[in-house]
């Protein structure tokens, strides 16, 4: 089971990265009609949630720039940004290295209970390190679909 979760994390992350490679910085910031966010927000949000769900709840140090919560947390949107955002190059580098850190830090801890279980907005309670990691696959998959839609409408 352990290897399978990490292979899935790496697989979905590669799909996310490939979906946005080569996109211009200006295209990253387009918010098509009917959307609240853009490609840049979705990439930062994926990183932020994965970092919290993998490391914070496992009581591991997070690699999180101090402005990421202000920029990419639930309920934030580019229309409210008033500070510099990370470039695509920076986001892609962060996204590429994250699954490797997760596997290195947590590969023997998937069954370990967390100190503070978390209930998602949809009502699922996550209680182990493995449950948190498994849930992030669903989360990133949802945002991957949004990225595909944003690409179609932004182009």
C-alpha atoms as a PDB file:
ATOM      1  CA  UNK A   1       0.000   0.000   0.000  1.00  0.00           C
ATOM      2  CA  UNK A   2       2.749   2.450   0.918  1.00  0.00           C
ATOM      3  CA  UNK A   3       4.433   2.456  -2.467  1.00  0.00           C
ATOM      4  CA  UNK A   4       1.126   2.705  -4.296  1.00  0.00           C
ATOM      5  CA  UNK A   5       0.094   5.952  -2.570  1.00  0.00           C
ATOM      6  CA  UNK A   6       3.446   7.544  -3.337  1.00  0.00           C
ATOM      7  CA  UNK A   7       3.330   6.394  -6.964  1.00  0.00           C
ATOM      8  CA  UNK A   8      -0.117   7.967  -7.286  1.00  0.00           C
ATOM      9  CA  UNK A   9       1.071  11.222  -5.700  1.00  0.00           C
ATOM     10  CA  UNK A  10       3.937  11.397  -8.193  1.00  0.00           C
ATOM     11  CA  UNK A  11       1.689  10.425 -11.127  1.00  0.00           C
ATOM     12  CA  UNK A  12      -1.014  13.041 -10.529  1.00  0.00           C
ATOM     13  CA  UNK A  13       1.624  15.676  -9.842  1.00  0.00           C
ATOM     14  CA  UNK A  14       3.325  14.964 -13.170  1.00  0.00           C
ATOM     15  CA  UNK A  15      -0.035  15.344 -14.926  1.00  0.00           C
ATOM     16  CA  UNK A  16      -0.560  18.698 -13.201  1.00  0.00           C
ATOM     17  CA  UNK A  17       2.909  19.932 -14.137  1.00  0.00           C
ATOM     18  CA  UNK A  18       2.630  18.794 -17.767  1.00  0.00           C
ATOM     19  CA  UNK A  19      -0.745  20.525 -18.080  1.00  0.00           C
ATOM     20  CA  UNK A  20       0.801  23.948 -17.473  1.00  0.00           C
ATOM     21  CA  UNK A  21       4.356  23.660 -18.788  1.00  0.00           C
ATOM     22  CA  UNK A  22       5.086  26.322 -21.363  1.00  0.00           C
ATOM     23  CA  UNK A  23       2.090  28.506 -20.541  1.00  0.00           C
ATOM     24  CA  UNK A  24       2.867  32.215 -20.503  1.00  0.00           C
ATOM     25  CA  UNK A  25       2.823  34.190 -17.274  1.00  0.00           C
ATOM     26  CA  UNK A  26       0.009  36.348 -18.669  1.00  0.00           C
ATOM     27  CA  UNK A  27      -2.109  33.281 -19.491  1.00  0.00           C
ATOM     28  CA  UNK A  28      -1.601  32.033 -15.926  1.00  0.00           C
ATOM     29  CA  UNK A  29      -3.405  35.121 -14.667  1.00  0.00           C
ATOM     30  CA  UNK A  30      -6.460  35.067 -16.938  1.00  0.00           C
ATOM     31  CA  UNK A  31      -9.704  34.556 -15.042  1.00  0.00           C
ATOM     32  CA  UNK A  32     -12.325  33.470 -17.587  1.00  0.00           C
ATOM     33  CA  UNK A  33     -15.926  34.539 -17.129  1.00  0.00           C
ATOM     34  CA  UNK A  34     -17.657  32.316 -14.598  1.00  0.00           C
ATOM     35  CA  UNK A  35     -14.444  31.501 -12.693  1.00  0.00           C
ATOM     36  CA  UNK A  36     -13.128  33.047  -9.451  1.00  0.00           C
ATOM     37  CA  UNK A  37      -9.538  31.940  -9.852  1.00  0.00           C
ATOM     38  CA  UNK A  38      -6.839  31.437 -12.439  1.00  0.00           C
ATOM     39  CA  UNK A  39      -4.191  28.847 -13.263  1.00  0.00           C
ATOM     40  CA  UNK A  40      -1.614  30.443 -10.946  1.00  0.00           C
ATOM     41  CA  UNK A  41      -4.040  30.294  -8.000  1.00  0.00           C
ATOM     42  CA  UNK A  42      -4.849  26.631  -8.643  1.00  0.00           C
ATOM     43  CA  UNK A  43      -1.160  25.668  -8.752  1.00  0.00           C
ATOM     44  CA  UNK A  44      -0.368  27.536  -5.541  1.00  0.00           C
ATOM     45  CA  UNK A  45      -3.473  26.139  -3.871  1.00  0.00           C
ATOM     46  CA  UNK A  46      -2.550  22.553  -4.774  1.00  0.00           C
ATOM     47  CA  UNK A  47       0.898  23.080  -3.273  1.00  0.00           C
ATOM     48  CA  UNK A  48      -0.450  24.741  -0.116  1.00  0.00           C
ATOM     49  CA  UNK A  49      -3.067  22.077   0.626  1.00  0.00           C
ATOM     50  CA  UNK A  50      -0.639  19.226  -0.084  1.00  0.00           C
ATOM     51  CA  UNK A  51       1.943  20.820   2.207  1.00  0.00           C
ATOM     52  CA  UNK A  52      -0.545  21.230   5.046  1.00  0.00           C
ATOM     53  CA  UNK A  53      -2.168  17.838   4.678  1.00  0.00           C
ATOM     54  CA  UNK A  54       1.122  15.965   4.292  1.00  0.00           C
ATOM     55  CA  UNK A  55       3.336  17.788   6.768  1.00  0.00           C
ATOM     56  CA  UNK A  56       1.343  19.980   9.169  1.00  0.00           C
ATOM     57  CA  UNK A  57      -0.970  17.232  10.383  1.00  0.00           C
ATOM     58  CA  UNK A  58       1.971  14.796  10.659  1.00  0.00           C
ATOM     59  CA  UNK A  59       3.819  17.343  12.833  1.00  0.00           C
ATOM     60  CA  UNK A  60       6.570  17.740  10.244  1.00  0.00           C
ATOM     61  CA  UNK A  61       8.078  21.069   9.156  1.00  0.00           C
ATOM     62  CA  UNK A  62       6.375  22.641   6.169  1.00  0.00           C
ATOM     63  CA  UNK A  63       8.207  24.281   3.270  1.00  0.00           C
ATOM     64  CA  UNK A  64       5.713  27.080   2.843  1.00  0.00           C
ATOM     65  CA  UNK A  65       6.538  30.606   1.736  1.00  0.00           C
ATOM     66  CA  UNK A  66       4.999  33.023   4.223  1.00  0.00           C
ATOM     67  CA  UNK A  67       2.666  34.602   1.658  1.00  0.00           C
ATOM     68  CA  UNK A  68       1.163  31.352   0.341  1.00  0.00           C
ATOM     69  CA  UNK A  69      -1.668  31.272   2.867  1.00  0.00           C
ATOM     70  CA  UNK A  70      -2.673  34.838   1.957  1.00  0.00           C
ATOM     71  CA  UNK A  71      -2.515  34.059  -1.751  1.00  0.00           C
ATOM     72  CA  UNK A  72      -3.738  30.484  -2.088  1.00  0.00           C
ATOM     73  CA  UNK A  73      -5.823  29.366   0.929  1.00  0.00           C
ATOM     74  CA  UNK A  74      -9.481  28.433   0.590  1.00  0.00           C
ATOM     75  CA  UNK A  75     -11.557  31.545   0.054  1.00  0.00           C
ATOM     76  CA  UNK A  76      -8.751  33.611  -1.456  1.00  0.00           C
ATOM     77  CA  UNK A  77      -8.828  34.868  -5.025  1.00  0.00           C
ATOM     78  CA  UNK A  78      -6.531  36.752  -7.386  1.00  0.00           C
ATOM     79  CA  UNK A  79      -8.861  39.758  -7.405  1.00  0.00           C
ATOM     80  CA  UNK A  80      -7.763  40.396  -3.807  1.00  0.00           C
ATOM     81  CA  UNK A  81      -4.015  39.996  -4.406  1.00  0.00           C
ATOM     82  CA  UNK A  82      -1.878  43.043  -3.695  1.00  0.00           C
ATOM     83  CA  UNK A  83       1.561  41.443  -3.538  1.00  0.00           C
ATOM     84  CA  UNK A  84       3.928  39.687  -5.881  1.00  0.00           C
ATOM     85  CA  UNK A  85       3.004  36.132  -6.795  1.00  0.00           C
ATOM     86  CA  UNK A  86       5.363  33.250  -7.561  1.00  0.00           C
ATOM     87  CA  UNK A  87       6.313  32.729 -11.196  1.00  0.00           C
ATOM     88  CA  UNK A  88       5.376  29.594 -13.103  1.00  0.00           C
ATOM     89  CA  UNK A  89       8.999  28.465 -12.901  1.00  0.00           C
ATOM     90  CA  UNK A  90       8.975  28.760  -9.109  1.00  0.00           C
ATOM     91  CA  UNK A  91       5.607  27.033  -8.765  1.00  0.00           C
ATOM     92  CA  UNK A  92       6.654  24.165 -11.027  1.00  0.00           C
ATOM     93  CA  UNK A  93       9.892  23.640  -9.108  1.00  0.00           C
ATOM     94  CA  UNK A  94       8.009  23.581  -5.804  1.00  0.00           C
ATOM     95  CA  UNK A  95       5.358  21.229  -7.161  1.00  0.00           C
ATOM     96  CA  UNK A  96       7.988  18.887  -8.645  1.00  0.00           C
ATOM     97  CA  UNK A  97       9.974  18.457  -5.441  1.00  0.00           C
ATOM     98  CA  UNK A  98       7.041  18.159  -3.051  1.00  0.00           C
ATOM     99  CA  UNK A  99       6.112  14.485  -3.683  1.00  0.00           C
ATOM    100  CA  UNK A 100       9.729  13.437  -3.122  1.00  0.00           C
ATOM    101  CA  UNK A 101       9.815  15.197   0.273  1.00  0.00           C
ATOM    102  CA  UNK A 102       6.515  13.609   1.209  1.00  0.00           C
ATOM    103  CA  UNK A 103       7.784  10.116   0.464  1.00  0.00           C
ATOM    104  CA  UNK A 104      11.099  10.700   2.237  1.00  0.00           C
ATOM    105  CA  UNK A 105       9.402  12.032   5.379  1.00  0.00           C
ATOM    106  CA  UNK A 106       6.312   9.865   5.594  1.00  0.00           C
ATOM    107  CA  UNK A 107       6.991   6.538   3.877  1.00  0.00           C
ATOM    108  CA  UNK A 108       6.816   4.548   7.137  1.00  0.00           C
ATOM    109  CA  UNK A 109       4.080   6.592   8.781  1.00  0.00           C
ATOM    110  CA  UNK A 110       0.942   6.032   6.694  1.00  0.00           C
ATOM    111  CA  UNK A 111      -0.915   4.099   9.412  1.00  0.00           C
ATOM    112  CA  UNK A 112       0.085   6.569  12.126  1.00  0.00           C
ATOM    113  CA  UNK A 113      -2.784   8.505  13.722  1.00  0.00           C
ATOM    114  CA  UNK A 114      -2.494  12.295  13.648  1.00  0.00           C
ATOM    115  CA  UNK A 115      -2.833  14.347  16.826  1.00  0.00           C
ATOM    116  CA  UNK A 116      -5.629  16.503  15.409  1.00  0.00           C
ATOM    117  CA  UNK A 117      -7.999  14.706  13.022  1.00  0.00           C
ATOM    118  CA  UNK A 118      -9.531  17.005  10.406  1.00  0.00           C
ATOM    119  CA  UNK A 119     -12.991  16.931   8.869  1.00  0.00           C
ATOM    120  CA  UNK A 120     -13.125  18.163   5.284  1.00  0.00           C
ATOM    121  CA  UNK A 121     -15.791  20.547   4.044  1.00  0.00           C
ATOM    122  CA  UNK A 122     -17.600  17.567   2.531  1.00  0.00           C
ATOM    123  CA  UNK A 123     -17.746  15.775   5.893  1.00  0.00           C
ATOM    124  CA  UNK A 124     -14.920  13.207   5.630  1.00  0.00           C
ATOM    125  CA  UNK A 125     -12.804  12.922   8.783  1.00  0.00           C
ATOM    126  CA  UNK A 126      -9.108  12.268   8.165  1.00  0.00           C
ATOM    127  CA  UNK A 127      -7.375  10.568  11.089  1.00  0.00           C
ATOM    128  CA  UNK A 128      -4.131   8.997   9.820  1.00  0.00           C
ATOM    129  CA  UNK A 129      -1.186  10.263   7.785  1.00  0.00           C
ATOM    130  CA  UNK A 130      -2.214   7.905   4.973  1.00  0.00           C
ATOM    131  CA  UNK A 131      -5.794   9.184   4.969  1.00  0.00           C
ATOM    132  CA  UNK A 132      -4.541  12.744   4.567  1.00  0.00           C
ATOM    133  CA  UNK A 133      -2.278  11.765   1.670  1.00  0.00           C
ATOM    134  CA  UNK A 134      -4.999   9.751  -0.006  1.00  0.00           C
ATOM    135  CA  UNK A 135      -7.415  12.673   0.240  1.00  0.00           C
ATOM    136  CA  UNK A 136      -4.914  14.993  -1.439  1.00  0.00           C
ATOM    137  CA  UNK A 137      -5.107  12.803  -4.549  1.00  0.00           C
ATOM    138  CA  UNK A 138      -8.809  13.605  -4.818  1.00  0.00           C
ATOM    139  CA  UNK A 139      -8.153  17.274  -4.082  1.00  0.00           C
ATOM    140  CA  UNK A 140      -5.463  17.619  -6.722  1.00  0.00           C
ATOM    141  CA  UNK A 141      -7.611  15.703  -9.215  1.00  0.00           C
ATOM    142  CA  UNK A 142     -10.431  18.217  -8.753  1.00  0.00           C
ATOM    143  CA  UNK A 143      -8.059  21.118  -9.327  1.00  0.00           C
ATOM    144  CA  UNK A 144      -6.445  19.322 -12.289  1.00  0.00           C
ATOM    145  CA  UNK A 145      -9.877  19.293 -13.926  1.00  0.00           C
ATOM    146  CA  UNK A 146     -10.268  23.010 -13.166  1.00  0.00           C
ATOM    147  CA  UNK A 147      -6.834  23.639 -14.693  1.00  0.00           C
ATOM    148  CA  UNK A 148      -7.924  21.872 -17.884  1.00  0.00           C
ATOM    149  CA  UNK A 149     -11.077  24.004 -18.021  1.00  0.00           C
ATOM    150  CA  UNK A 150      -9.167  27.229 -17.328  1.00  0.00           C
ATOM    151  CA  UNK A 151      -6.703  26.406 -20.110  1.00  0.00           C
ATOM    152  CA  UNK A 152      -9.560  25.867 -22.556  1.00  0.00           C
ATOM    153  CA  UNK A 153     -11.339  29.126 -21.666  1.00  0.00           C
ATOM    154  CA  UNK A 154      -8.210  31.241 -21.156  1.00  0.00           C
ATOM    155  CA  UNK A 155      -6.723  30.374 -24.526  1.00  0.00           C
END
